[in-house]
Protein backbone atom coordinates (compact mmCIF):
# COMPACT_ATOMS: atom_id res chain seq x y z
CA MET A 1 96.53 9.45 94.43
CA ILE A 2 94.89 6.17 93.47
CA ASP A 3 93.64 5.68 97.03
CA ASN A 4 91.97 9.08 96.92
CA SER A 5 90.31 8.27 93.59
CA ILE A 6 89.13 4.90 94.90
CA ARG A 7 87.60 6.56 97.95
CA HIS A 8 85.77 9.13 95.78
CA ILE A 9 84.37 6.42 93.52
CA GLN A 10 83.23 4.36 96.51
CA ASN A 11 81.47 7.43 97.89
CA ALA A 12 79.82 8.08 94.53
CA LEU A 13 78.62 4.48 94.36
CA SER A 14 77.18 4.80 97.86
CA ASP A 15 75.38 8.01 96.87
CA LEU A 16 73.92 6.32 93.80
CA ASP A 17 72.70 3.42 95.95
CA LYS A 18 70.92 5.90 98.22
CA GLU A 19 69.38 7.64 95.23
CA MET A 20 68.13 4.31 93.86
CA GLU A 21 66.68 3.40 97.25
CA LYS A 22 64.73 6.67 97.33
CA ILE A 23 63.28 5.91 93.91
CA VAL A 24 62.32 2.35 94.86
CA MET A 25 60.68 3.51 98.09
CA ASN A 26 58.71 6.29 96.39
CA LEU A 27 55.18 4.90 96.29
CA THR A 28 53.88 7.73 94.11
CA LEU A 29 55.89 6.57 91.09
CA SER A 30 54.76 3.88 88.70
CA LEU A 31 57.08 1.01 87.84
CA LYS A 32 57.71 2.53 84.43
CA GLU A 33 58.67 5.87 85.99
CA LYS A 34 60.98 4.09 88.42
CA ASP A 35 62.60 2.19 85.54
CA ASN A 36 63.11 5.41 83.59
CA LEU A 37 64.68 7.13 86.60
CA MET A 38 66.87 4.19 87.55
CA LEU A 39 68.32 3.35 84.13
CA PRO A 40 70.76 6.29 84.00
CA ILE A 41 71.79 5.56 87.59
CA LEU A 42 72.47 1.92 86.74
CA LEU A 43 74.57 2.98 83.76
CA GLN A 44 76.56 5.35 85.96
CA LYS A 45 77.09 2.58 88.50
CA LYS A 46 78.34 0.23 85.79
CA VAL A 47 80.94 2.76 84.64
CA LEU A 48 82.01 3.60 88.19
CA LYS A 49 82.34 -0.08 89.13
CA GLN A 50 84.55 -0.74 86.10
CA THR A 51 86.64 2.32 86.91
CA LEU A 52 86.97 1.14 90.51
CA GLU A 53 88.11 -2.30 89.32
CA ASP A 54 90.64 -0.69 86.96
CA LEU A 55 92.04 1.55 89.70
CA GLN A 56 92.26 -1.36 92.11
CA TYR A 57 94.12 -3.36 89.45
CA LEU A 58 96.56 -0.49 88.88
CA LYS A 59 97.06 -0.10 92.62
CA ASP A 60 97.80 -3.82 93.00
CA ASN A 61 99.82 -4.06 89.77
CA PRO A 62 101.59 -0.76 89.13
CA PRO A 63 103.03 -0.56 85.62
CA PRO A 64 106.80 -0.33 85.22
CA PRO A 65 108.12 3.12 84.24
CA ASP A 66 107.66 4.02 80.57
CA GLN A 67 105.40 1.00 79.93
CA PRO A 68 101.68 0.80 79.09
CA CYS A 69 99.52 0.03 82.10
CA GLY A 70 98.10 -3.20 80.62
CA ILE A 71 94.53 -2.66 81.84
CA SER A 72 93.05 -4.12 78.67
CA LYS A 73 94.89 -7.40 79.25
CA TYR A 74 93.07 -8.24 82.48
CA ARG A 75 89.55 -7.29 81.36
CA ASN A 76 87.21 -9.94 80.04
CA ASP A 77 84.99 -7.61 78.00
């Protein structure tokens, strides 16, 4: 299950990278327009990257039965 979720998140990150590339390469947009279009994408990428890190941590360090997963212990933020 975790592997499937990781794969979906990696695909979503790849799609967001492609979307950002299209915006950057669009010569009809001003820098301000590009910034406005890219900000929500960057925020989505930040959340997806953190989720990917969390899932990878859980995959590598599965919690014992009936115990909290301990994700908050490994994060620095």
